[in-house]
């Protein structure tokens, strides 16, 4: 298989204004122990994805007490909007909610590391022109260009 890196998606840590009103906003990564997380669980491993933060130039995994665990992206975001806990997602996924203030960003000085997005395709000396065009189109989309 051939892997081609397409983009690194910026991520954000957020919660609802209602959650922040009830529990307060975490003041630092160390303050997260007194908060509640909504865990996003991998369907393949059954384990939650860790919360990660960039602290002093290094990535730090943080365990936050769990309010609930979910499997789907929509229920993950909906649970945060309902005030159940804190989530970490790619920024594009909650851009509208952040703009409408149904979610608010937490710890912007300790962003999660970006999420890499790659495409995999079979190694073949004569790569199908359709695969090549599709991969190039994806790259353009993620870079914010207009596909040609």
Protein backbone atom coordinates (compact mmCIF):
# COMPACT_ATOMS: atom_id res chain seq x y z
CA UNK A 1 0.00 0.00 0.00
CA UNK A 2 1.07 3.55 -0.70
CA UNK A 3 0.21 6.25 1.82
CA UNK A 4 0.01 9.92 0.87
CA UNK A 5 -0.35 12.54 3.55
CA UNK A 6 -3.04 15.05 2.62
CA UNK A 7 -3.39 17.48 5.52
CA UNK A 8 -3.16 18.00 9.26
CA UNK A 9 -6.57 19.07 10.58
CA UNK A 10 -6.52 21.56 13.47
CA UNK A 11 -8.38 20.30 16.53
CA UNK A 12 -10.16 22.04 19.38
CA UNK A 13 -11.21 21.25 22.93
CA UNK A 14 -14.69 22.53 23.74
CA UNK A 15 -17.79 22.38 25.90
CA UNK A 16 -21.14 24.11 26.00
CA UNK A 17 -21.65 27.46 27.70
CA UNK A 18 -24.00 25.65 30.10
CA UNK A 19 -21.26 23.22 31.08
CA UNK A 20 -18.85 26.11 31.67
CA UNK A 21 -21.47 27.95 33.71
CA UNK A 22 -22.03 24.88 35.90
CA UNK A 23 -18.45 23.58 36.26
CA UNK A 24 -16.31 26.56 35.26
CA UNK A 25 -13.74 26.60 32.49
CA UNK A 26 -10.54 24.65 33.10
CA UNK A 27 -7.76 27.13 33.78
CA UNK A 28 -4.97 24.74 32.75
CA UNK A 29 -4.41 21.18 31.55
CA UNK A 30 -3.74 20.24 35.19
CA UNK A 31 -7.20 21.57 36.10
CA UNK A 32 -8.97 18.97 33.91
CA UNK A 33 -9.06 16.39 36.71
CA UNK A 34 -12.03 18.22 38.24
CA UNK A 35 -13.99 18.16 34.97
CA UNK A 36 -15.99 15.59 32.99
CA UNK A 37 -15.19 14.25 29.54
CA UNK A 38 -17.31 12.70 26.88
CA UNK A 39 -15.20 9.85 25.56
CA UNK A 40 -15.22 8.97 21.88
CA UNK A 41 -14.73 5.20 21.68
CA UNK A 42 -13.11 3.37 18.77
CA UNK A 43 -15.48 0.83 17.23
CA UNK A 44 -12.55 -1.47 16.41
CA UNK A 45 -10.68 -1.51 19.73
CA UNK A 46 -13.49 -0.51 22.10
CA UNK A 47 -11.09 1.91 23.78
CA UNK A 48 -11.62 5.66 24.10
CA UNK A 49 -9.45 8.02 22.12
CA UNK A 50 -7.20 9.92 24.52
CA UNK A 51 -7.43 13.64 25.19
CA UNK A 52 -4.16 15.21 24.06
CA UNK A 53 -2.78 18.70 24.59
CA UNK A 54 0.33 20.54 23.49
CA UNK A 55 2.12 21.64 26.65
CA UNK A 56 5.53 23.36 26.49
CA UNK A 57 6.16 22.00 22.99
CA UNK A 58 5.30 18.39 23.84
CA UNK A 59 2.12 16.36 23.48
CA UNK A 60 0.62 15.36 26.82
CA UNK A 61 -2.14 12.76 27.21
CA UNK A 62 -4.64 13.66 29.91
CA UNK A 63 -7.14 11.40 31.60
CA UNK A 64 -10.34 13.27 32.38
CA UNK A 65 -13.08 11.66 34.49
CA UNK A 66 -15.70 10.23 32.13
CA UNK A 67 -19.31 11.40 32.07
CA UNK A 68 -20.32 9.10 29.17
CA UNK A 69 -18.74 7.24 26.25
CA UNK A 70 -20.12 7.35 22.70
CA UNK A 71 -19.37 5.82 19.31
CA UNK A 72 -20.73 8.36 16.80
CA UNK A 73 -19.48 11.82 15.82
CA UNK A 74 -22.98 13.34 15.87
CA UNK A 75 -23.82 12.07 19.37
CA UNK A 76 -20.35 13.15 20.54
CA UNK A 77 -21.01 16.76 19.53
CA UNK A 78 -24.66 16.66 20.65
CA UNK A 79 -23.60 15.43 24.10
CA UNK A 80 -21.25 18.38 24.47
CA UNK A 81 -23.94 20.83 23.33
CA UNK A 82 -26.26 19.29 25.94
CA UNK A 83 -23.72 20.22 28.63
CA UNK A 84 -22.63 16.70 29.57
CA UNK A 85 -18.88 17.25 29.26
CA UNK A 86 -15.78 18.25 27.34
CA UNK A 87 -14.91 16.99 23.84
CA UNK A 88 -11.93 17.19 21.49
CA UNK A 89 -12.66 17.26 17.77
CA UNK A 90 -11.32 18.55 14.48
CA UNK A 91 -12.19 22.26 14.34
CA UNK A 92 -14.09 21.95 11.03
CA UNK A 93 -16.51 19.54 12.74
CA UNK A 94 -17.72 22.19 15.24
CA UNK A 95 -16.97 25.44 13.37
CA UNK A 96 -20.67 26.33 13.10
CA UNK A 97 -21.32 25.56 16.79
CA UNK A 98 -18.33 27.67 17.84
CA UNK A 99 -19.52 30.55 15.65
CA UNK A 100 -23.09 30.27 16.99
CA UNK A 101 -21.72 29.97 20.54
CA UNK A 102 -23.49 26.68 21.28
CA UNK A 103 -19.96 25.43 22.05
CA UNK A 104 -17.02 27.40 23.39
CA UNK A 105 -13.33 26.69 23.01
CA UNK A 106 -11.39 25.63 26.09
CA UNK A 107 -7.65 25.89 26.71
CA UNK A 108 -6.76 27.60 23.40
CA UNK A 109 -3.17 27.99 24.64
CA UNK A 110 -2.88 24.17 24.85
CA UNK A 111 -4.37 23.01 21.57
CA UNK A 112 -4.65 19.32 20.78
CA UNK A 113 -2.12 18.21 18.15
CA UNK A 114 -3.48 18.34 14.61
CA UNK A 115 -5.10 15.19 13.21
CA UNK A 116 -3.25 13.82 10.18
CA UNK A 117 -5.34 12.74 7.19
CA UNK A 118 -3.83 10.39 4.62
CA UNK A 119 -5.08 8.35 1.71
CA UNK A 120 -4.00 4.75 1.10
CA UNK A 121 -4.05 3.02 -2.25
CA UNK A 122 -2.51 -0.15 -3.68
CA UNK A 123 1.06 -0.01 -4.92
CA UNK A 124 0.95 -0.47 -8.66
CA UNK A 125 3.54 0.40 -11.28
CA UNK A 126 0.77 1.73 -13.49
CA UNK A 127 -1.47 3.60 -11.11
CA UNK A 128 -4.95 4.03 -12.48
CA UNK A 129 -5.47 7.57 -13.79
CA UNK A 130 -8.76 7.64 -11.85
CA UNK A 131 -6.97 6.95 -8.56
CA UNK A 132 -4.31 9.57 -9.33
CA UNK A 133 -6.93 12.21 -10.21
CA UNK A 134 -8.98 11.35 -7.11
CA UNK A 135 -5.98 11.63 -4.77
CA UNK A 136 -4.93 14.94 -6.35
CA UNK A 137 -8.52 16.21 -6.04
CA UNK A 138 -8.60 15.30 -2.33
CA UNK A 139 -5.30 17.11 -1.80
CA UNK A 140 -6.73 20.25 -3.46
CA UNK A 141 -9.91 20.09 -1.37
CA UNK A 142 -8.01 19.82 1.90
CA UNK A 143 -5.62 22.60 0.94
CA UNK A 144 -8.59 24.89 0.30
CA UNK A 145 -8.09 25.06 -3.41
CA UNK A 146 -10.69 24.74 -6.09
CA UNK A 147 -10.60 21.35 -7.77
CA UNK A 148 -10.03 21.59 -11.48
